[in-house]
Amino acid sequence: MDLLAVYTTVATRDDAQRLARALVGQRLAACVQIDAIDSVYHWDGALQQEPEQRLMIKTTAAAWPALAAAIRALHPYQLPAIHALPVAGADPAYAAWVAAQVTPPTDDPAGP
């Protein structure tokens, strides 16, 4: 199975927790970790520096399309950063746990 570590950022801890709970609740992610960070970037023609919350979302490649769509739909930013990185190696038991927690949507209305 192909695991992904997906990253995004939001402005507040409340937004981070809301997004994390939604993604895990929809079974698009097995786990979401939240870290406080500082971000420096250009926006609206000016150099910005703001505190943010980084979410590291543990999921599978099969769930990626639905996960990305859910992040875009729920994200408070006009242009959210959404990065998916393949996990080059993972403990097999942990990888199996992630896969068991994530249930990507199916195109078949009757289910998998």
N, C-alpha and C. Protein backbone atom coordinates (compact mmCIF):
# COMPACT_ATOMS: atom_id res chain seq x y z
N MET A 1 0.85 -1.18 0.00
CA MET A 1 0.00 0.00 0.00
C MET A 1 0.89 1.23 0.00
N ASP A 2 0.41 2.28 -0.64
CA ASP A 2 1.17 3.52 -0.74
C ASP A 2 0.66 4.50 0.30
N LEU A 3 1.54 4.88 1.23
CA LEU A 3 1.18 5.86 2.25
C LEU A 3 1.62 7.24 1.82
N LEU A 4 0.87 8.25 2.24
CA LEU A 4 1.21 9.65 1.99
C LEU A 4 1.22 10.41 3.30
N ALA A 5 2.10 11.39 3.37
CA ALA A 5 2.07 12.40 4.43
C ALA A 5 1.64 13.69 3.73
N VAL A 6 0.47 14.20 4.10
CA VAL A 6 -0.10 15.39 3.46
C VAL A 6 -0.01 16.54 4.45
N TYR A 7 0.45 17.69 3.96
CA TYR A 7 0.63 18.86 4.80
C TYR A 7 -0.24 20.01 4.34
N THR A 8 -0.78 20.75 5.29
CA THR A 8 -1.45 22.01 5.04
C THR A 8 -1.28 22.87 6.27
N THR A 9 -1.59 24.16 6.16
CA THR A 9 -1.50 25.07 7.29
C THR A 9 -2.78 25.88 7.40
N VAL A 10 -3.10 26.27 8.63
CA VAL A 10 -4.23 27.16 8.91
C VAL A 10 -3.77 28.18 9.95
N ALA A 11 -4.59 29.21 10.15
CA ALA A 11 -4.18 30.30 11.04
C ALA A 11 -4.35 29.99 12.51
N THR A 12 -5.38 29.22 12.87
CA THR A 12 -5.68 29.06 14.29
C THR A 12 -5.74 27.58 14.70
N ARG A 13 -5.55 27.36 15.98
CA ARG A 13 -5.64 26.01 16.53
C ARG A 13 -7.07 25.47 16.36
N ASP A 14 -8.07 26.33 16.54
CA ASP A 14 -9.46 25.89 16.36
C ASP A 14 -9.69 25.40 14.93
N ASP A 15 -9.18 26.15 13.93
CA ASP A 15 -9.32 25.72 12.54
C ASP A 15 -8.60 24.39 12.31
N ALA A 16 -7.42 24.24 12.89
CA ALA A 16 -6.65 23.01 12.73
C ALA A 16 -7.41 21.82 13.32
N GLN A 17 -7.95 21.99 14.51
CA GLN A 17 -8.67 20.90 15.15
C GLN A 17 -9.95 20.56 14.39
N ARG A 18 -10.64 21.58 13.89
CA ARG A 18 -11.87 21.35 13.12
C ARG A 18 -11.56 20.56 11.85
N LEU A 19 -10.51 20.96 11.14
CA LEU A 19 -10.13 20.27 9.91
C LEU A 19 -9.65 18.85 10.22
N ALA A 20 -8.84 18.69 11.23
CA ALA A 20 -8.33 17.36 11.60
C ALA A 20 -9.48 16.41 11.94
N ARG A 21 -10.40 16.87 12.77
CA ARG A 21 -11.53 16.03 13.19
C ARG A 21 -12.41 15.65 11.99
N ALA A 22 -12.59 16.58 11.06
CA ALA A 22 -13.40 16.29 9.88
C ALA A 22 -12.73 15.23 9.01
N LEU A 23 -11.45 15.36 8.78
CA LEU A 23 -10.74 14.42 7.90
C LEU A 23 -10.66 13.02 8.49
N VAL A 24 -10.39 12.94 9.79
CA VAL A 24 -10.36 11.63 10.45
C VAL A 24 -11.78 11.08 10.56
N GLY A 25 -12.73 11.95 10.87
CA GLY A 25 -14.12 11.51 10.98
C GLY A 25 -14.68 10.97 9.67
N GLN A 26 -14.25 11.54 8.55
CA GLN A 26 -14.68 11.05 7.23
C GLN A 26 -13.86 9.85 6.76
N ARG A 27 -12.91 9.42 7.58
CA ARG A 27 -12.03 8.29 7.30
C ARG A 27 -11.17 8.52 6.05
N LEU A 28 -10.84 9.79 5.82
CA LEU A 28 -9.90 10.14 4.76
C LEU A 28 -8.48 10.19 5.28
N ALA A 29 -8.32 10.20 6.60
CA ALA A 29 -7.02 10.22 7.26
C ALA A 29 -7.06 9.29 8.46
N ALA A 30 -5.93 8.64 8.72
CA ALA A 30 -5.83 7.78 9.90
C ALA A 30 -5.51 8.62 11.13
N CYS A 31 -4.75 9.69 10.94
CA CYS A 31 -4.28 10.51 12.04
C CYS A 31 -3.88 11.87 11.48
N VAL A 32 -4.05 12.90 12.28
CA VAL A 32 -3.58 14.24 11.91
C VAL A 32 -2.82 14.81 13.10
N GLN A 33 -1.59 15.22 12.87
CA GLN A 33 -0.80 15.87 13.90
C GLN A 33 -0.79 17.36 13.65
N ILE A 34 -0.85 18.15 14.73
CA ILE A 34 -0.93 19.60 14.65
C ILE A 34 0.26 20.21 15.39
N ASP A 35 0.99 21.09 14.70
CA ASP A 35 2.15 21.78 15.28
C ASP A 35 2.03 23.28 15.07
N ALA A 36 2.42 24.06 16.07
CA ALA A 36 2.50 25.52 15.92
C ALA A 36 3.80 25.86 15.18
N ILE A 37 3.69 26.73 14.17
CA ILE A 37 4.85 27.15 13.38
C ILE A 37 4.77 28.64 13.11
N ASP A 38 5.83 29.21 12.56
CA ASP A 38 5.84 30.57 12.03
C ASP A 38 6.08 30.47 10.53
N SER A 39 5.32 31.21 9.76
CA SER A 39 5.46 31.20 8.30
C SER A 39 5.83 32.58 7.79
N VAL A 40 6.73 32.62 6.83
CA VAL A 40 7.15 33.85 6.16
C VAL A 40 6.89 33.65 4.67
N TYR A 41 6.16 34.60 4.05
CA TYR A 41 5.75 34.43 2.67
C TYR A 41 5.33 35.78 2.09
N HIS A 42 5.25 35.84 0.75
CA HIS A 42 4.70 37.01 0.08
C HIS A 42 3.21 36.79 -0.17
N TRP A 43 2.39 37.78 0.13
CA TRP A 43 0.96 37.71 -0.17
C TRP A 43 0.46 39.13 -0.36
N ASP A 44 -0.37 39.35 -1.35
CA ASP A 44 -0.90 40.68 -1.66
C ASP A 44 0.22 41.71 -1.82
N GLY A 45 1.31 41.29 -2.45
CA GLY A 45 2.41 42.19 -2.75
C GLY A 45 3.27 42.60 -1.57
N ALA A 46 3.12 41.94 -0.43
CA ALA A 46 3.89 42.32 0.75
C ALA A 46 4.46 41.08 1.43
N LEU A 47 5.58 41.28 2.08
CA LEU A 47 6.18 40.22 2.88
C LEU A 47 5.37 40.04 4.16
N GLN A 48 4.96 38.82 4.42
CA GLN A 48 4.13 38.52 5.59
C GLN A 48 4.89 37.59 6.53
N GLN A 49 4.61 37.68 7.81
CA GLN A 49 5.10 36.71 8.79
C GLN A 49 3.99 36.52 9.81
N GLU A 50 3.52 35.28 9.91
CA GLU A 50 2.37 34.99 10.77
C GLU A 50 2.57 33.66 11.49
N PRO A 51 2.02 33.53 12.68
CA PRO A 51 1.96 32.20 13.30
C PRO A 51 0.89 31.38 12.59
N GLU A 52 1.16 30.12 12.43
CA GLU A 52 0.19 29.21 11.81
C GLU A 52 0.23 27.87 12.54
N GLN A 53 -0.72 27.03 12.19
CA GLN A 53 -0.77 25.65 12.66
C GLN A 53 -0.57 24.75 11.45
N ARG A 54 0.43 23.85 11.54
CA ARG A 54 0.70 22.91 10.44
C ARG A 54 0.04 21.58 10.77
N LEU A 55 -0.68 21.04 9.80
CA LEU A 55 -1.29 19.74 9.95
C LEU A 55 -0.52 18.74 9.10
N MET A 56 -0.10 17.64 9.71
CA MET A 56 0.50 16.53 8.99
C MET A 56 -0.52 15.40 9.01
N ILE A 57 -1.02 15.08 7.83
CA ILE A 57 -2.15 14.17 7.67
C ILE A 57 -1.64 12.84 7.13
N LYS A 58 -1.91 11.77 7.85
CA LYS A 58 -1.44 10.44 7.45
C LYS A 58 -2.58 9.73 6.73
N THR A 59 -2.30 9.34 5.48
CA THR A 59 -3.35 8.76 4.64
C THR A 59 -2.75 7.80 3.63
N THR A 60 -3.58 7.36 2.69
CA THR A 60 -3.14 6.47 1.61
C THR A 60 -3.26 7.18 0.27
N ALA A 61 -2.53 6.69 -0.71
CA ALA A 61 -2.61 7.26 -2.05
C ALA A 61 -4.02 7.12 -2.62
N ALA A 62 -4.69 6.03 -2.30
CA ALA A 62 -6.05 5.82 -2.81
C ALA A 62 -7.02 6.87 -2.29
N ALA A 63 -6.79 7.38 -1.09
CA ALA A 63 -7.67 8.39 -0.50
C ALA A 63 -7.30 9.81 -0.91
N TRP A 64 -6.16 9.99 -1.55
CA TRP A 64 -5.65 11.32 -1.87
C TRP A 64 -6.65 12.21 -2.63
N PRO A 65 -7.27 11.78 -3.71
CA PRO A 65 -8.19 12.69 -4.42
C PRO A 65 -9.32 13.21 -3.52
N ALA A 66 -9.95 12.32 -2.77
CA ALA A 66 -11.05 12.73 -1.89
C ALA A 66 -10.53 13.59 -0.74
N LEU A 67 -9.36 13.26 -0.21
CA LEU A 67 -8.76 14.04 0.87
C LEU A 67 -8.46 15.46 0.40
N ALA A 68 -7.83 15.60 -0.75
CA ALA A 68 -7.51 16.93 -1.28
C ALA A 68 -8.78 17.74 -1.50
N ALA A 69 -9.82 17.11 -2.03
CA ALA A 69 -11.08 17.81 -2.25
C ALA A 69 -11.70 18.26 -0.93
N ALA A 70 -11.64 17.40 0.08
CA ALA A 70 -12.20 17.76 1.39
C ALA A 70 -11.42 18.91 2.02
N ILE A 71 -10.10 18.88 1.91
CA ILE A 71 -9.29 19.98 2.46
C ILE A 71 -9.69 21.29 1.78
N ARG A 72 -9.77 21.28 0.45
CA ARG A 72 -10.14 22.51 -0.27
C ARG A 72 -11.53 22.99 0.16
N ALA A 73 -12.47 22.09 0.34
CA ALA A 73 -13.83 22.47 0.70
C ALA A 73 -13.93 23.02 2.12
N LEU A 74 -13.12 22.51 3.03
CA LEU A 74 -13.21 22.89 4.44
C LEU A 74 -12.22 23.97 4.85
N HIS A 75 -11.23 24.23 4.02
CA HIS A 75 -10.12 25.12 4.39
C HIS A 75 -10.56 26.58 4.43
N PRO A 76 -10.14 27.33 5.46
CA PRO A 76 -10.53 28.73 5.55
C PRO A 76 -9.74 29.67 4.65
N TYR A 77 -8.62 29.23 4.09
CA TYR A 77 -7.78 30.10 3.26
C TYR A 77 -8.32 30.18 1.83
N GLN A 78 -8.08 31.32 1.20
CA GLN A 78 -8.42 31.50 -0.21
C GLN A 78 -7.59 30.56 -1.08
N LEU A 79 -6.31 30.39 -0.73
CA LEU A 79 -5.39 29.54 -1.49
C LEU A 79 -4.61 28.67 -0.50
N PRO A 80 -5.18 27.52 -0.11
CA PRO A 80 -4.47 26.68 0.86
C PRO A 80 -3.29 25.96 0.23
N ALA A 81 -2.22 25.84 0.99
CA ALA A 81 -1.10 24.98 0.60
C ALA A 81 -1.49 23.55 0.94
N ILE A 82 -1.42 22.68 -0.04
CA ILE A 82 -1.71 21.27 0.17
C ILE A 82 -0.59 20.49 -0.51
N HIS A 83 0.22 19.80 0.28
CA HIS A 83 1.37 19.05 -0.24
C HIS A 83 1.23 17.59 0.15
N ALA A 84 1.35 16.70 -0.80
CA ALA A 84 1.33 15.27 -0.54
C ALA A 84 2.70 14.69 -0.84
N LEU A 85 3.30 14.06 0.17
CA LEU A 85 4.62 13.46 0.02
C LEU A 85 4.51 11.95 0.22
N PRO A 86 5.09 11.17 -0.69
CA PRO A 86 5.06 9.72 -0.50
C PRO A 86 5.92 9.33 0.70
N VAL A 87 5.48 8.34 1.43
CA VAL A 87 6.25 7.81 2.55
C VAL A 87 7.14 6.70 1.98
N ALA A 88 8.45 6.95 2.02
CA ALA A 88 9.39 6.02 1.41
C ALA A 88 9.50 4.71 2.18
N GLY A 89 9.30 4.76 3.46
CA GLY A 89 9.38 3.56 4.27
C GLY A 89 8.54 3.72 5.51
N ALA A 90 7.88 2.67 5.91
CA ALA A 90 7.07 2.70 7.12
C ALA A 90 7.07 1.30 7.72
N ASP A 91 6.99 1.24 9.02
CA ASP A 91 6.85 -0.04 9.69
C ASP A 91 5.62 -0.74 9.12
N PRO A 92 5.74 -2.00 8.71
CA PRO A 92 4.61 -2.68 8.08
C PRO A 92 3.35 -2.72 8.95
N ALA A 93 3.49 -2.91 10.23
CA ALA A 93 2.31 -2.95 11.11
C ALA A 93 1.65 -1.58 11.17
N TYR A 94 2.46 -0.51 11.23
CA TYR A 94 1.90 0.84 11.25
C TYR A 94 1.21 1.15 9.91
N ALA A 95 1.85 0.79 8.81
CA ALA A 95 1.26 1.03 7.49
C ALA A 95 -0.07 0.30 7.35
N ALA A 96 -0.15 -0.90 7.88
CA ALA A 96 -1.41 -1.65 7.83
C ALA A 96 -2.48 -0.96 8.67
N TRP A 97 -2.08 -0.40 9.82
CA TRP A 97 -3.05 0.33 10.65
C TRP A 97 -3.59 1.54 9.90
N VAL A 98 -2.69 2.32 9.27
CA VAL A 98 -3.14 3.50 8.50
C VAL A 98 -4.14 3.05 7.44
N ALA A 99 -3.79 2.02 6.68
CA ALA A 99 -4.67 1.55 5.61
C ALA A 99 -6.02 1.10 6.15
N ALA A 100 -6.03 0.47 7.32
CA ALA A 100 -7.28 -0.01 7.90
C ALA A 100 -8.16 1.14 8.39
N GLN A 101 -7.56 2.28 8.73
CA GLN A 101 -8.33 3.42 9.23
C GLN A 101 -8.91 4.27 8.11
N VAL A 102 -8.28 4.23 6.96
CA VAL A 102 -8.68 5.10 5.84
C VAL A 102 -9.57 4.31 4.89
N THR A 103 -10.72 4.88 4.59
CA THR A 103 -11.67 4.25 3.68
C THR A 103 -11.98 5.24 2.56
N PRO A 104 -11.25 5.17 1.46
CA PRO A 104 -11.52 6.11 0.38
C PRO A 104 -12.92 5.89 -0.18
N PRO A 105 -13.56 6.97 -0.62
CA PRO A 105 -14.90 6.83 -1.21
C PRO A 105 -14.83 5.96 -2.45
N THR A 106 -15.93 5.34 -2.74
CA THR A 106 -16.04 4.52 -3.94
C THR A 106 -17.03 5.17 -4.90
N ASP A 107 -16.85 4.93 -6.17
CA ASP A 107 -17.79 5.46 -7.17
C ASP A 107 -19.07 4.65 -7.19
N ASP A 108 -19.03 3.47 -6.60
CA ASP A 108 -20.19 2.59 -6.57
C ASP A 108 -21.07 2.94 -5.38
N PRO A 109 -22.32 3.42 -5.61
CA PRO A 109 -23.19 3.81 -4.50
C PRO A 109 -23.50 2.65 -3.56
N ALA A 110 -23.33 1.41 -4.02
CA ALA A 110 -23.59 0.25 -3.15
C ALA A 110 -22.46 0.02 -2.16
N GLY A 111 -21.32 0.71 -2.36
CA GLY A 111 -20.18 0.56 -1.45
C GLY A 111 -19.12 -0.34 -2.02
N PRO A 112 -18.07 -0.59 -1.23
CA PRO A 112 -16.95 -1.41 -1.73
C PRO A 112 -17.31 -2.86 -1.90
